[in-house]
Amino acid sequence: HQEGAGYTVASLGTALTADQVKLLRRYVQYAVIAYDPDKAGRTASLRSADVLIENGFYPRVAVLPDGLDADDFIIKFGVNKFNELISNSMELVQFKIDLYLDGIKPRGVKDLSIAEKINFAKDLISALEKNKDSIYRSEYVKVISERLNLDERALFGQMGRNEVSETAVKNGPSYGFGKLLSLEEEIINLLLDF
């Protein structure tokens, strides 16, 4: 604020809490995370983004140059450059993909094994499922499909499987039995009920 950067808040450290996000949600629905560019800052950005998503935000991540936190960046380059950095911030899914791909340089997506692509896609889908906005999720499934060269329908199918599993766990035992039934057992029970 001292340098003229308005509409900013600090989470005091890198632990953004659900209570802080709920308070922030009273005023805005969009948030840009601008933590330090080191490994701890990137990890905190991902954690904070998850908390934001769970509370209905559409988080973006501003990637600061190495060695500069937000305050240092503003002092060195000015508030206008900082506002430009915020304007050019990345959607969370893009940030996660870029972060992952940066970790496997010089290999690119084309050099990922099928297992690596699948596991990474599942991680991204799990993150998307935290936001209940179906349009948001649909658009980012398209992005994941394009960036990782994976079939969009398969990604939507994975999202559906994760939701079915989550519902089964939340709803507890099926048909009064003391354990969760497999999908096949549930189908057989449904057929027997007819």
C-alpha atoms as a PDB file:
ATOM      1  CA  HIS A   1       0.000   0.000   0.000  1.00  0.00           C
ATOM      2  CA  GLN A   2       2.854   2.396   0.776  1.00  0.00           C
ATOM      3  CA  GLU A   3       4.074   2.260  -2.802  1.00  0.00           C
ATOM      4  CA  GLY A   4       0.574   2.674  -4.265  1.00  0.00           C
ATOM      5  CA  ALA A   5      -0.429  -0.946  -4.839  1.00  0.00           C
ATOM      6  CA  GLY A   6      -4.105  -1.004  -3.916  1.00  0.00           C
ATOM      7  CA  TYR A   7      -6.448  -3.904  -3.258  1.00  0.00           C
ATOM      8  CA  THR A   8      -3.752  -6.033  -1.702  1.00  0.00           C
ATOM      9  CA  VAL A   9      -3.686  -8.198   1.396  1.00  0.00           C
ATOM     10  CA  ALA A  10      -0.943 -10.230   3.024  1.00  0.00           C
ATOM     11  CA  SER A  11      -1.549 -13.618   4.571  1.00  0.00           C
ATOM     12  CA  LEU A  12       1.257 -13.015   7.089  1.00  0.00           C
ATOM     13  CA  GLY A  13       3.717 -15.665   6.105  1.00  0.00           C
ATOM     14  CA  THR A  14       2.682 -18.139   3.475  1.00  0.00           C
ATOM     15  CA  ALA A  15      -0.120 -19.914   5.335  1.00  0.00           C
ATOM     16  CA  LEU A  16      -3.374 -18.634   3.869  1.00  0.00           C
ATOM     17  CA  THR A  17      -6.190 -19.987   6.010  1.00  0.00           C
ATOM     18  CA  ALA A  18      -9.772 -20.890   5.180  1.00  0.00           C
ATOM     19  CA  ASP A  19     -10.975 -18.246   7.656  1.00  0.00           C
ATOM     20  CA  GLN A  20      -8.948 -15.552   5.884  1.00  0.00           C
ATOM     21  CA  VAL A  21     -10.329 -16.663   2.529  1.00  0.00           C
ATOM     22  CA  LYS A  22     -13.919 -16.635   3.795  1.00  0.00           C
ATOM     23  CA  LEU A  23     -13.428 -13.078   5.012  1.00  0.00           C
ATOM     24  CA  LEU A  24     -11.880 -12.076   1.683  1.00  0.00           C
ATOM     25  CA  ARG A  25     -14.770 -13.755  -0.177  1.00  0.00           C
ATOM     26  CA  ARG A  26     -17.128 -11.126   1.236  1.00  0.00           C
ATOM     27  CA  TYR A  27     -15.433  -8.555  -0.988  1.00  0.00           C
ATOM     28  CA  VAL A  28     -14.058 -10.319  -4.081  1.00  0.00           C
ATOM     29  CA  GLN A  29     -14.225 -13.585  -6.009  1.00  0.00           C
ATOM     30  CA  TYR A  30     -10.953 -13.283  -7.891  1.00  0.00           C
ATOM     31  CA  ALA A  31      -7.528 -13.453  -6.293  1.00  0.00           C
ATOM     32  CA  VAL A  32      -3.967 -13.287  -7.548  1.00  0.00           C
ATOM     33  CA  ILE A  33      -1.299 -14.994  -5.469  1.00  0.00           C
ATOM     34  CA  ALA A  34       2.122 -13.322  -5.536  1.00  0.00           C
ATOM     35  CA  TYR A  35       4.326 -15.286  -3.163  1.00  0.00           C
ATOM     36  CA  ASP A  36       8.109 -15.503  -3.330  1.00  0.00           C
ATOM     37  CA  PRO A  37       9.467 -17.248  -6.440  1.00  0.00           C
ATOM     38  CA  ASP A  38      11.470 -19.843  -4.478  1.00  0.00           C
ATOM     39  CA  LYS A  39      10.406 -23.454  -3.909  1.00  0.00           C
ATOM     40  CA  ALA A  40       8.652 -22.645  -0.611  1.00  0.00           C
ATOM     41  CA  GLY A  41       6.753 -19.811  -2.281  1.00  0.00           C
ATOM     42  CA  ARG A  42       5.645 -22.007  -5.185  1.00  0.00           C
ATOM     43  CA  THR A  43       4.483 -24.700  -2.757  1.00  0.00           C
ATOM     44  CA  ALA A  44       2.620 -22.084  -0.715  1.00  0.00           C
ATOM     45  CA  SER A  45       1.036 -20.749  -3.916  1.00  0.00           C
ATOM     46  CA  LEU A  46      -0.347 -24.196  -4.695  1.00  0.00           C
ATOM     47  CA  ARG A  47      -1.647 -24.705  -1.142  1.00  0.00           C
ATOM     48  CA  SER A  48      -3.219 -21.255  -1.064  1.00  0.00           C
ATOM     49  CA  ALA A  49      -4.793 -21.750  -4.465  1.00  0.00           C
ATOM     50  CA  ASP A  50      -6.454 -24.953  -3.215  1.00  0.00           C
ATOM     51  CA  VAL A  51      -7.935 -23.058  -0.240  1.00  0.00           C
ATOM     52  CA  LEU A  52      -9.151 -20.341  -2.594  1.00  0.00           C
ATOM     53  CA  ILE A  53     -10.719 -22.847  -5.004  1.00  0.00           C
ATOM     54  CA  GLU A  54     -12.504 -24.656  -2.184  1.00  0.00           C
ATOM     55  CA  ASN A  55     -14.107 -21.336  -1.279  1.00  0.00           C
ATOM     56  CA  GLY A  56     -15.317 -20.447  -4.768  1.00  0.00           C
ATOM     57  CA  PHE A  57     -12.456 -18.261  -5.959  1.00  0.00           C
ATOM     58  CA  TYR A  58     -10.861 -18.275  -9.380  1.00  0.00           C
ATOM     59  CA  PRO A  59      -7.193 -17.989  -8.364  1.00  0.00           C
ATOM     60  CA  ARG A  60      -4.365 -16.796 -10.534  1.00  0.00           C
ATOM     61  CA  VAL A  61      -0.652 -16.815  -9.791  1.00  0.00           C
ATOM     62  CA  ALA A  62       1.743 -13.957 -10.498  1.00  0.00           C
ATOM     63  CA  VAL A  63       5.223 -15.312 -11.117  1.00  0.00           C
ATOM     64  CA  LEU A  64       7.833 -12.964  -9.703  1.00  0.00           C
ATOM     65  CA  PRO A  65      11.430 -12.960 -10.988  1.00  0.00           C
ATOM     66  CA  ASP A  66      13.917 -15.041  -9.017  1.00  0.00           C
ATOM     67  CA  GLY A  67      15.261 -13.320  -5.925  1.00  0.00           C
ATOM     68  CA  LEU A  68      12.467 -10.743  -5.617  1.00  0.00           C
ATOM     69  CA  ASP A  69       9.413 -10.831  -3.395  1.00  0.00           C
ATOM     70  CA  ALA A  70       6.455  -8.561  -4.186  1.00  0.00           C
ATOM     71  CA  ASP A  71       7.764  -5.712  -2.039  1.00  0.00           C
ATOM     72  CA  ASP A  72      11.259  -5.875  -3.579  1.00  0.00           C
ATOM     73  CA  PHE A  73       9.736  -6.002  -7.075  1.00  0.00           C
ATOM     74  CA  ILE A  74       7.668  -2.857  -6.464  1.00  0.00           C
ATOM     75  CA  ILE A  75      10.621  -0.978  -4.979  1.00  0.00           C
ATOM     76  CA  LYS A  76      12.896  -1.972  -7.873  1.00  0.00           C
ATOM     77  CA  PHE A  77      10.475  -1.643 -10.822  1.00  0.00           C
ATOM     78  CA  GLY A  78       7.578   0.439  -9.531  1.00  0.00           C
ATOM     79  CA  VAL A  79       3.895  -0.167  -8.954  1.00  0.00           C
ATOM     80  CA  ASN A  80       2.989   0.096 -12.664  1.00  0.00           C
ATOM     81  CA  LYS A  81       5.252  -2.860 -13.517  1.00  0.00           C
ATOM     82  CA  PHE A  82       3.769  -4.767 -10.573  1.00  0.00           C
ATOM     83  CA  ASN A  83       0.250  -4.089 -11.848  1.00  0.00           C
ATOM     84  CA  GLU A  84       1.396  -5.339 -15.246  1.00  0.00           C
ATOM     85  CA  LEU A  85       2.720  -8.506 -13.587  1.00  0.00           C
ATOM     86  CA  ILE A  86      -0.642  -8.992 -11.874  1.00  0.00           C
ATOM     87  CA  SER A  87      -2.487  -8.409 -15.163  1.00  0.00           C
ATOM     88  CA  ASN A  88      -0.339 -11.073 -16.818  1.00  0.00           C
ATOM     89  CA  SER A  89      -0.759 -13.582 -13.978  1.00  0.00           C
ATOM     90  CA  MET A  90      -1.424 -17.210 -14.834  1.00  0.00           C
ATOM     91  CA  GLU A  91      -4.517 -19.292 -14.239  1.00  0.00           C
ATOM     92  CA  LEU A  92      -3.846 -21.933 -11.599  1.00  0.00           C
ATOM     93  CA  VAL A  93      -3.991 -24.888 -14.005  1.00  0.00           C
ATOM     94  CA  GLN A  94      -1.509 -23.208 -16.353  1.00  0.00           C
ATOM     95  CA  PHE A  95       0.771 -22.470 -13.379  1.00  0.00           C
ATOM     96  CA  LYS A  96       0.649 -26.101 -12.214  1.00  0.00           C
ATOM     97  CA  ILE A  97       1.381 -27.419 -15.708  1.00  0.00           C
ATOM     98  CA  ASP A  98       4.264 -24.999 -16.221  1.00  0.00           C
ATOM     99  CA  LEU A  99       5.662 -25.763 -12.773  1.00  0.00           C
ATOM    100  CA  TYR A 100       5.534 -29.491 -13.477  1.00  0.00           C
ATOM    101  CA  LEU A 101       7.094 -29.141 -16.908  1.00  0.00           C
ATOM    102  CA  ASP A 102       9.821 -26.847 -15.538  1.00  0.00           C
ATOM    103  CA  GLY A 103      10.724 -29.652 -13.147  1.00  0.00           C
ATOM    104  CA  ILE A 104      11.344 -32.109 -15.982  1.00  0.00           C
ATOM    105  CA  LYS A 105      13.414 -29.907 -18.308  1.00  0.00           C
ATOM    106  CA  PRO A 106      14.839 -30.446 -20.877  1.00  0.00           C
ATOM    107  CA  ARG A 107      12.133 -33.032 -21.536  1.00  0.00           C
ATOM    108  CA  GLY A 108       8.815 -31.725 -22.711  1.00  0.00           C
ATOM    109  CA  VAL A 109       5.287 -33.091 -22.793  1.00  0.00           C
ATOM    110  CA  LYS A 110       6.096 -35.198 -25.838  1.00  0.00           C
ATOM    111  CA  ASP A 111       8.775 -37.024 -23.852  1.00  0.00           C
ATOM    112  CA  LEU A 112       6.590 -37.868 -20.857  1.00  0.00           C
ATOM    113  CA  SER A 113       5.776 -41.511 -20.370  1.00  0.00           C
ATOM    114  CA  ILE A 114       2.115 -42.464 -20.487  1.00  0.00           C
ATOM    115  CA  ALA A 115       2.192 -43.186 -16.748  1.00  0.00           C
ATOM    116  CA  GLU A 116       3.677 -39.726 -16.029  1.00  0.00           C
ATOM    117  CA  LYS A 117       0.968 -38.029 -18.088  1.00  0.00           C
ATOM    118  CA  ILE A 118      -1.802 -40.037 -16.438  1.00  0.00           C
ATOM    119  CA  ASN A 119      -0.597 -39.370 -12.892  1.00  0.00           C
ATOM    120  CA  PHE A 120      -0.114 -35.680 -13.541  1.00  0.00           C
ATOM    121  CA  ALA A 121      -3.515 -35.386 -15.238  1.00  0.00           C
ATOM    122  CA  LYS A 122      -5.158 -37.094 -12.243  1.00  0.00           C
ATOM    123  CA  ASP A 123      -3.496 -34.580  -9.927  1.00  0.00           C
ATOM    124  CA  LEU A 124      -4.781 -31.683 -12.023  1.00  0.00           C
ATOM    125  CA  ILE A 125      -8.293 -33.158 -12.188  1.00  0.00           C
ATOM    126  CA  SER A 126      -8.325 -33.539  -8.389  1.00  0.00           C
ATOM    127  CA  ALA A 127      -7.451 -29.867  -8.046  1.00  0.00           C
ATOM    128  CA  LEU A 128     -10.201 -28.864 -10.481  1.00  0.00           C
ATOM    129  CA  GLU A 129     -12.809 -30.866  -8.606  1.00  0.00           C
ATOM    130  CA  LYS A 130     -12.379 -28.615  -5.577  1.00  0.00           C
ATOM    131  CA  ASN A 131     -14.202 -25.875  -7.481  1.00  0.00           C
ATOM    132  CA  LYS A 132     -17.871 -26.726  -7.884  1.00  0.00           C
ATOM    133  CA  ASP A 133     -18.288 -24.425 -10.901  1.00  0.00           C
ATOM    134  CA  SER A 134     -18.895 -26.824 -13.794  1.00  0.00           C
ATOM    135  CA  ILE A 135     -17.990 -24.233 -16.452  1.00  0.00           C
ATOM    136  CA  TYR A 136     -14.654 -23.544 -14.743  1.00  0.00           C
ATOM    137  CA  ARG A 137     -13.923 -27.255 -14.579  1.00  0.00           C
ATOM    138  CA  SER A 138     -14.987 -27.874 -18.159  1.00  0.00           C
ATOM    139  CA  GLU A 139     -12.776 -25.119 -19.542  1.00  0.00           C
ATOM    140  CA  TYR A 140      -9.738 -26.365 -17.661  1.00  0.00           C
ATOM    141  CA  VAL A 141     -10.269 -29.951 -18.722  1.00  0.00           C
ATOM    142  CA  LYS A 142      -9.894 -28.590 -22.266  1.00  0.00           C
ATOM    143  CA  VAL A 143      -6.649 -26.840 -21.285  1.00  0.00           C
ATOM    144  CA  ILE A 144      -5.257 -30.001 -19.663  1.00  0.00           C
ATOM    145  CA  SER A 145      -6.254 -32.004 -22.735  1.00  0.00           C
ATOM    146  CA  GLU A 146      -4.469 -29.609 -25.073  1.00  0.00           C
ATOM    147  CA  ARG A 147      -1.345 -29.085 -22.971  1.00  0.00           C
ATOM    148  CA  LEU A 148      -0.786 -32.761 -22.122  1.00  0.00           C
ATOM    149  CA  ASN A 149      -2.123 -34.125 -25.411  1.00  0.00           C
ATOM    150  CA  LEU A 150      -4.719 -36.295 -23.677  1.00  0.00           C
ATOM    151  CA  ASP A 151      -8.242 -37.176 -24.735  1.00  0.00           C
ATOM    152  CA  GLU A 152     -10.720 -34.670 -23.315  1.00  0.00           C
ATOM    153  CA  ARG A 153     -13.460 -37.286 -22.879  1.00  0.00           C
ATOM    154  CA  ALA A 154     -11.125 -39.482 -20.848  1.00  0.00           C
ATOM    155  CA  LEU A 155     -10.342 -36.540 -18.573  1.00  0.00           C
ATOM    156  CA  PHE A 156     -14.055 -35.839 -18.063  1.00  0.00           C
ATOM    157  CA  GLY A 157     -14.506 -39.544 -17.344  1.00  0.00           C
ATOM    158  CA  GLN A 158     -11.787 -39.396 -14.699  1.00  0.00           C
ATOM    159  CA  MET A 159     -13.477 -36.415 -13.120  1.00  0.00           C
ATOM    160  CA  GLY A 160     -16.722 -38.370 -12.990  1.00  0.00           C
ATOM    161  CA  ARG A 161     -15.012 -41.373 -11.389  1.00  0.00           C
ATOM    162  CA  ASN A 162     -13.416 -39.193  -8.728  1.00  0.00           C
ATOM    163  CA  GLU A 163     -16.799 -37.639  -7.925  1.00  0.00           C
ATOM    164  CA  VAL A 164     -18.517 -41.046  -7.710  1.00  0.00           C
ATOM    165  CA  SER A 165     -15.806 -42.324  -5.375  1.00  0.00           C
ATOM    166  CA  GLU A 166     -16.015 -39.203  -3.229  1.00  0.00           C
ATOM    167  CA  THR A 167     -19.815 -39.490  -3.021  1.00  0.00           C
ATOM    168  CA  ALA A 168     -19.616 -43.145  -2.042  1.00  0.00           C
ATOM    169  CA  VAL A 169     -17.185 -42.354   0.756  1.00  0.00           C
ATOM    170  CA  LYS A 170     -19.273 -39.408   1.992  1.00  0.00           C
ATOM    171  CA  ASN A 171     -22.519 -41.385   1.910  1.00  0.00           C
ATOM    172  CA  GLY A 172     -21.059 -44.308   3.797  1.00  0.00           C
ATOM    173  CA  PRO A 173     -22.079 -47.939   3.430  1.00  0.00           C
ATOM    174  CA  SER A 174     -24.398 -48.875   0.566  1.00  0.00           C
ATOM    175  CA  TYR A 175     -27.547 -50.943   1.013  1.00  0.00           C
ATOM    176  CA  GLY A 176     -27.027 -51.265   4.760  1.00  0.00           C
ATOM    177  CA  PHE A 177     -23.920 -53.414   4.504  1.00  0.00           C
ATOM    178  CA  GLY A 178     -20.975 -52.627   6.776  1.00  0.00           C
ATOM    179  CA  LYS A 179     -18.606 -51.842   3.906  1.00  0.00           C
ATOM    180  CA  LEU A 180     -18.550 -49.875   0.698  1.00  0.00           C
ATOM    181  CA  LEU A 181     -19.593 -52.034  -2.210  1.00  0.00           C
ATOM    182  CA  SER A 182     -17.749 -52.128  -5.474  1.00  0.00           C
ATOM    183  CA  LEU A 183     -19.523 -50.723  -8.504  1.00  0.00           C
ATOM    184  CA  GLU A 184     -20.193 -54.251  -9.771  1.00  0.00           C
ATOM    185  CA  GLU A 185     -21.782 -55.270  -6.461  1.00  0.00           C
ATOM    186  CA  GLU A 186     -23.983 -52.186  -6.474  1.00  0.00           C
ATOM    187  CA  ILE A 187     -25.148 -52.922 -10.044  1.00  0.00           C
ATOM    188  CA  ILE A 188     -25.998 -56.506  -9.078  1.00  0.00           C
ATOM    189  CA  ASN A 189     -27.952 -55.252  -6.048  1.00  0.00           C
ATOM    190  CA  LEU A 190     -29.850 -52.786  -8.229  1.00  0.00           C
ATOM    191  CA  LEU A 191     -30.730 -55.524 -10.703  1.00  0.00           C
ATOM    192  CA  LEU A 192     -31.875 -57.822  -7.907  1.00  0.00           C
ATOM    193  CA  ASP A 193     -34.157 -55.077  -6.586  1.00  0.00           C
ATOM    194  CA  PHE A 194     -36.100 -55.078  -9.878  1.00  0.00           C
END
